[in-house]
C-alpha atoms as a PDB file:
ATOM      1  CA  MET A   1     -23.337  68.561 -22.670  1.00  0.00           C
ATOM      2  CA  LEU A   2     -19.474  68.143 -22.652  1.00  0.00           C
ATOM      3  CA  LYS A   3     -19.406  64.980 -20.514  1.00  0.00           C
ATOM      4  CA  ASN A   4     -22.230  63.523 -23.543  1.00  0.00           C
ATOM      5  CA  ILE A   5     -20.022  65.290 -26.315  1.00  0.00           C
ATOM      6  CA  LEU A   6     -16.715  63.620 -24.528  1.00  0.00           C
ATOM      7  CA  GLY A   7     -18.341  60.159 -24.085  1.00  0.00           C
ATOM      8  CA  LEU A   8     -19.863  60.353 -27.943  1.00  0.00           C
ATOM      9  CA  GLY A   9     -16.285  61.334 -28.874  1.00  0.00           C
ATOM     10  CA  ILE A  10     -14.717  58.085 -26.909  1.00  0.00           C
ATOM     11  CA  ILE A  11     -17.835  56.105 -28.287  1.00  0.00           C
ATOM     12  CA  VAL A  12     -16.887  56.453 -31.790  1.00  0.00           C
ATOM     13  CA  GLY A  13     -13.100  56.109 -31.350  1.00  0.00           C
ATOM     14  CA  LEU A  14     -13.324  52.271 -29.442  1.00  0.00           C
ATOM     15  CA  LEU A  15     -15.837  51.756 -32.234  1.00  0.00           C
ATOM     16  CA  SER A  16     -13.305  52.271 -34.992  1.00  0.00           C
ATOM     17  CA  VAL A  17     -11.158  50.134 -32.497  1.00  0.00           C
ATOM     18  CA  ALA A  18     -13.594  47.508 -32.060  1.00  0.00           C
ATOM     19  CA  GLN A  19     -14.192  47.755 -36.088  1.00  0.00           C
ATOM     20  CA  VAL A  20     -10.599  46.758 -36.280  1.00  0.00           C
ATOM     21  CA  ALA A  21     -10.496  44.110 -33.562  1.00  0.00           C
ATOM     22  CA  GLY A  22     -14.276  42.913 -34.910  1.00  0.00           C
ATOM     23  CA  ALA A  23     -12.182  40.799 -37.678  1.00  0.00           C
ATOM     24  CA  GLN A  24     -10.523  38.922 -34.813  1.00  0.00           C
ATOM     25  CA  GLY A  25     -13.376  38.650 -32.254  1.00  0.00           C
ATOM     26  CA  LYS A  26     -16.203  40.166 -30.284  1.00  0.00           C
ATOM     27  CA  THR A  27     -16.609  42.914 -28.853  1.00  0.00           C
ATOM     28  CA  VAL A  28     -18.666  43.273 -25.226  1.00  0.00           C
ATOM     29  CA  TYR A  29     -19.376  45.098 -22.482  1.00  0.00           C
ATOM     30  CA  VAL A  30     -19.872  44.874 -18.658  1.00  0.00           C
ATOM     31  CA  ASP A  31     -21.697  46.876 -16.242  1.00  0.00           C
ATOM     32  CA  MET A  32     -19.154  47.290 -13.493  1.00  0.00           C
ATOM     33  CA  GLN A  33     -21.498  48.591 -11.443  1.00  0.00           C
ATOM     34  CA  LYS A  34     -24.162  45.808 -11.253  1.00  0.00           C
ATOM     35  CA  ALA A  35     -21.560  43.112 -11.587  1.00  0.00           C
ATOM     36  CA  VAL A  36     -19.931  44.711  -8.140  1.00  0.00           C
ATOM     37  CA  GLN A  37     -23.387  45.121  -6.608  1.00  0.00           C
ATOM     38  CA  VAL A  38     -24.927  41.362  -7.352  1.00  0.00           C
ATOM     39  CA  THR A  39     -21.205  40.055  -5.935  1.00  0.00           C
ATOM     40  CA  GLN A  40     -21.497  38.075  -2.501  1.00  0.00           C
ATOM     41  CA  ALA A  41     -18.255  40.502  -1.801  1.00  0.00           C
ATOM     42  CA  GLY A  42     -20.272  43.164  -3.586  1.00  0.00           C
ATOM     43  CA  LYS A  43     -23.500  42.505  -0.771  1.00  0.00           C
ATOM     44  CA  LYS A  44     -20.996  41.683   2.019  1.00  0.00           C
ATOM     45  CA  ALA A  45     -19.610  45.311   1.032  1.00  0.00           C
ATOM     46  CA  LYS A  46     -22.967  47.127   1.159  1.00  0.00           C
ATOM     47  CA  GLU A  47     -23.970  45.814   4.396  1.00  0.00           C
ATOM     48  CA  GLN A  48     -20.378  46.886   5.920  1.00  0.00           C
ATOM     49  CA  LEU A  49     -20.749  50.225   4.023  1.00  0.00           C
ATOM     50  CA  ASP A  50     -24.558  50.709   5.654  1.00  0.00           C
ATOM     51  CA  ALA A  51     -23.912  50.156   8.999  1.00  0.00           C
ATOM     52  CA  GLU A  52     -20.885  52.217   8.984  1.00  0.00           C
ATOM     53  CA  PHE A  53     -23.082  55.269   7.404  1.00  0.00           C
ATOM     54  CA  GLN A  54     -26.106  54.503  10.257  1.00  0.00           C
ATOM     55  CA  LYS A  55     -23.665  54.820  12.431  1.00  0.00           C
ATOM     56  CA  ARG A  56     -22.416  57.995  11.943  1.00  0.00           C
ATOM     57  CA  LYS A  57     -25.828  59.014  10.844  1.00  0.00           C
ATOM     58  CA  THR A  58     -26.870  58.495  14.443  1.00  0.00           C
ATOM     59  CA  LYS A  59     -24.340  59.982  15.981  1.00  0.00           C
ATOM     60  CA  LEU A  60     -24.918  63.441  13.855  1.00  0.00           C
ATOM     61  CA  ASP A  61     -28.732  63.332  13.995  1.00  0.00           C
ATOM     62  CA  LYS A  62     -27.976  63.528  18.058  1.00  0.00           C
ATOM     63  CA  LYS A  63     -25.386  66.509  17.633  1.00  0.00           C
ATOM     64  CA  LYS A  64     -27.889  67.864  14.976  1.00  0.00           C
ATOM     65  CA  THR A  65     -31.114  67.980  17.479  1.00  0.00           C
ATOM     66  CA  ASP A  66     -28.647  68.841  20.562  1.00  0.00           C
ATOM     67  CA  ILE A  67     -27.939  72.119  17.955  1.00  0.00           C
ATOM     68  CA  GLU A  68     -31.483  72.279  17.485  1.00  0.00           C
ATOM     69  CA  THR A  69     -32.341  72.015  21.654  1.00  0.00           C
ATOM     70  CA  MET A  70     -30.277  74.449  22.184  1.00  0.00           C
ATOM     71  CA  GLY A  71     -31.262  77.100  19.385  1.00  0.00           C
ATOM     72  CA  LYS A  72     -35.081  76.307  20.802  1.00  0.00           C
ATOM     73  CA  ASP A  73     -33.637  76.777  23.964  1.00  0.00           C
ATOM     74  CA  LEU A  74     -32.342  80.548  23.418  1.00  0.00           C
ATOM     75  CA  ASP A  75     -35.354  81.425  21.349  1.00  0.00           C
ATOM     76  CA  LYS A  76     -37.815  80.796  24.700  1.00  0.00           C
ATOM     77  CA  LYS A  77     -35.096  82.652  26.602  1.00  0.00           C
ATOM     78  CA  ARG A  78     -34.165  85.405  24.758  1.00  0.00           C
ATOM     79  CA  SER A  79     -36.533  88.265  26.356  1.00  0.00           C
ATOM     80  CA  LEU A  80     -34.662  87.012  29.384  1.00  0.00           C
ATOM     81  CA  MET A  81     -31.599  87.273  29.089  1.00  0.00           C
ATOM     82  CA  SER A  82     -29.092  90.552  28.617  1.00  0.00           C
ATOM     83  CA  GLU A  83     -27.915  91.762  24.844  1.00  0.00           C
ATOM     84  CA  GLU A  84     -24.379  90.389  25.891  1.00  0.00           C
ATOM     85  CA  ALA A  85     -25.437  87.150  27.358  1.00  0.00           C
ATOM     86  CA  LEU A  86     -27.734  86.518  24.069  1.00  0.00           C
ATOM     87  CA  GLN A  87     -24.556  87.511  21.945  1.00  0.00           C
ATOM     88  CA  LYS A  88     -22.815  84.602  23.649  1.00  0.00           C
ATOM     89  CA  LYS A  89     -25.249  81.834  23.200  1.00  0.00           C
ATOM     90  CA  GLN A  90     -25.187  82.989  19.382  1.00  0.00           C
ATOM     91  CA  ILE A  91     -21.604  82.461  19.176  1.00  0.00           C
ATOM     92  CA  GLU A  92     -21.295  79.446  21.203  1.00  0.00           C
ATOM     93  CA  ILE A  93     -24.518  77.877  18.750  1.00  0.00           C
ATOM     94  CA  GLN A  94     -22.926  79.137  15.683  1.00  0.00           C
ATOM     95  CA  ASP A  95     -19.484  77.509  16.897  1.00  0.00           C
ATOM     96  CA  GLU A  96     -21.768  74.018  17.379  1.00  0.00           C
ATOM     97  CA  MET A  97     -23.007  74.318  14.100  1.00  0.00           C
ATOM     98  CA  MET A  98     -20.009  74.875  12.345  1.00  0.00           C
ATOM     99  CA  LYS A  99     -18.581  71.951  13.925  1.00  0.00           C
ATOM    100  CA  PHE A 100     -21.585  69.666  13.197  1.00  0.00           C
ATOM    101  CA  GLN A 101     -21.021  70.706   9.672  1.00  0.00           C
ATOM    102  CA  LYS A 102     -17.248  70.426   9.535  1.00  0.00           C
ATOM    103  CA  GLU A 103     -18.152  66.975  11.075  1.00  0.00           C
ATOM    104  CA  VAL A 104     -20.479  66.046   8.566  1.00  0.00           C
ATOM    105  CA  GLY A 105     -18.186  66.671   5.584  1.00  0.00           C
ATOM    106  CA  GLU A 106     -15.707  64.579   7.495  1.00  0.00           C
ATOM    107  CA  ASN A 107     -17.830  61.620   7.972  1.00  0.00           C
ATOM    108  CA  GLN A 108     -18.842  62.078   4.418  1.00  0.00           C
ATOM    109  CA  LEU A 109     -14.899  61.838   3.186  1.00  0.00           C
ATOM    110  CA  GLU A 110     -14.195  58.856   5.457  1.00  0.00           C
ATOM    111  CA  ILE A 111     -17.653  57.108   4.122  1.00  0.00           C
ATOM    112  CA  GLN A 112     -16.192  57.321   0.516  1.00  0.00           C
ATOM    113  CA  LYS A 113     -12.782  56.011   1.687  1.00  0.00           C
ATOM    114  CA  LYS A 114     -14.172  53.517   3.120  1.00  0.00           C
ATOM    115  CA  GLU A 115     -16.336  52.435   0.481  1.00  0.00           C
ATOM    116  CA  GLU A 116     -13.134  52.527  -2.084  1.00  0.00           C
ATOM    117  CA  GLU A 117     -11.418  50.383   0.277  1.00  0.00           C
ATOM    118  CA  LEU A 118     -13.993  47.654   0.593  1.00  0.00           C
ATOM    119  CA  VAL A 119     -14.896  47.852  -2.738  1.00  0.00           C
ATOM    120  CA  LYS A 120     -11.348  48.265  -4.669  1.00  0.00           C
ATOM    121  CA  PRO A 121     -10.268  44.484  -4.339  1.00  0.00           C
ATOM    122  CA  ILE A 122     -13.629  43.836  -5.672  1.00  0.00           C
ATOM    123  CA  ILE A 123     -13.290  45.649  -8.600  1.00  0.00           C
ATOM    124  CA  GLU A 124      -9.157  43.946  -8.917  1.00  0.00           C
ATOM    125  CA  LYS A 125     -10.710  40.264  -8.740  1.00  0.00           C
ATOM    126  CA  MET A 126     -13.337  41.306 -11.053  1.00  0.00           C
ATOM    127  CA  LYS A 127     -11.167  42.618 -13.829  1.00  0.00           C
ATOM    128  CA  LYS A 128      -8.775  39.560 -13.942  1.00  0.00           C
ATOM    129  CA  THR A 129     -12.599  37.818 -13.888  1.00  0.00           C
ATOM    130  CA  ILE A 130     -12.766  39.967 -16.884  1.00  0.00           C
ATOM    131  CA  GLU A 131      -9.134  39.290 -18.708  1.00  0.00           C
ATOM    132  CA  LYS A 132      -9.549  35.463 -18.607  1.00  0.00           C
ATOM    133  CA  LEU A 133     -13.011  35.695 -19.185  1.00  0.00           C
ATOM    134  CA  ALA A 134     -12.236  37.073 -22.529  1.00  0.00           C
ATOM    135  CA  GLN A 135      -9.415  35.298 -23.451  1.00  0.00           C
ATOM    136  CA  GLU A 136     -11.188  31.836 -22.672  1.00  0.00           C
ATOM    137  CA  LYS A 137     -13.911  33.479 -25.143  1.00  0.00           C
ATOM    138  CA  SER A 138     -11.423  35.193 -27.876  1.00  0.00           C
ATOM    139  CA  TYR A 139     -13.456  38.549 -27.089  1.00  0.00           C
ATOM    140  CA  ALA A 140     -11.357  41.498 -28.778  1.00  0.00           C
ATOM    141  CA  MET A 141     -12.226  44.075 -26.387  1.00  0.00           C
ATOM    142  CA  VAL A 142     -14.675  44.258 -23.753  1.00  0.00           C
ATOM    143  CA  LEU A 143     -15.921  47.894 -22.906  1.00  0.00           C
ATOM    144  CA  GLU A 144     -16.247  48.332 -18.919  1.00  0.00           C
ATOM    145  CA  ASN A 145     -20.055  50.325 -18.873  1.00  0.00           C
ATOM    146  CA  LYS A 146     -23.062  49.672 -20.565  1.00  0.00           C
ATOM    147  CA  ASN A 147     -23.869  53.221 -20.262  1.00  0.00           C
ATOM    148  CA  LEU A 148     -20.866  53.948 -23.331  1.00  0.00           C
ATOM    149  CA  VAL A 149     -22.967  51.324 -25.152  1.00  0.00           C
ATOM    150  CA  ILE A 150     -25.543  53.115 -27.830  1.00  0.00           C
ATOM    151  CA  TYR A 151     -26.382  49.764 -28.888  1.00  0.00           C
ATOM    152  CA  GLY A 152     -25.120  46.205 -28.754  1.00  0.00           C
ATOM    153  CA  GLU A 153     -26.242  42.974 -29.918  1.00  0.00           C
ATOM    154  CA  LYS A 154     -28.073  40.605 -27.982  1.00  0.00           C
ATOM    155  CA  GLY A 155     -25.541  38.562 -26.055  1.00  0.00           C
ATOM    156  CA  SER A 156     -22.765  41.695 -25.918  1.00  0.00           C
ATOM    157  CA  ASP A 157     -23.525  42.075 -22.218  1.00  0.00           C
ATOM    158  CA  ILE A 158     -21.551  39.904 -20.661  1.00  0.00           C
ATOM    159  CA  THR A 159     -22.441  41.059 -17.064  1.00  0.00           C
ATOM    160  CA  ASP A 160     -24.006  37.784 -15.988  1.00  0.00           C
ATOM    161  CA  GLU A 161     -21.639  35.686 -16.992  1.00  0.00           C
ATOM    162  CA  VAL A 162     -18.635  37.365 -15.593  1.00  0.00           C
ATOM    163  CA  VAL A 163     -20.328  37.499 -11.925  1.00  0.00           C
ATOM    164  CA  SER A 164     -21.048  34.024 -12.527  1.00  0.00           C
ATOM    165  CA  ALA A 165     -17.602  33.266 -13.553  1.00  0.00           C
ATOM    166  CA  PHE A 166     -16.573  35.262 -10.446  1.00  0.00           C
ATOM    167  CA  GLU A 167     -18.700  34.109  -7.595  1.00  0.00           C
ATOM    168  CA  LYS A 168     -16.954  30.856  -9.114  1.00  0.00           C
ATOM    169  CA  ALA A 169     -13.249  31.813  -8.594  1.00  0.00           C
ATOM    170  CA  LYS A 170     -13.647  32.486  -4.948  1.00  0.00           C
END
């Protein structure tokens, strides 16, 4: 709710600035997420990220299966084990589960870091492309995200134009 209110406040502020700037040029917007995803560089980055994710997922799935197997084996042998051996095995399984959860968290952070590493140069180039396009077309203001725009005239979304210019700029 607070995020929506803040977003609305930002929109109102931007629209006020846009009205003043409107006398000098047009205000447009770009869906950066879409723009990055549809470029060849964005698709390549996604492929690399997906490959890395699958590699890690396969490794983690195997560890999860191993831990589940340990638990099932314990359940089968429970009646044959001494109380001390049972507790020792339960602690061992808990330790493995904690290690697994820690590794899952670390992998999530590493994937996020890898995504940022792959996408950052694309976004930097995209911003330069947008700036150049805005100067060429005399746009007064370019908003970054269509989610901030409640209404825009037809032609205000320049995402496809930005993507085309980005691909040509290689």
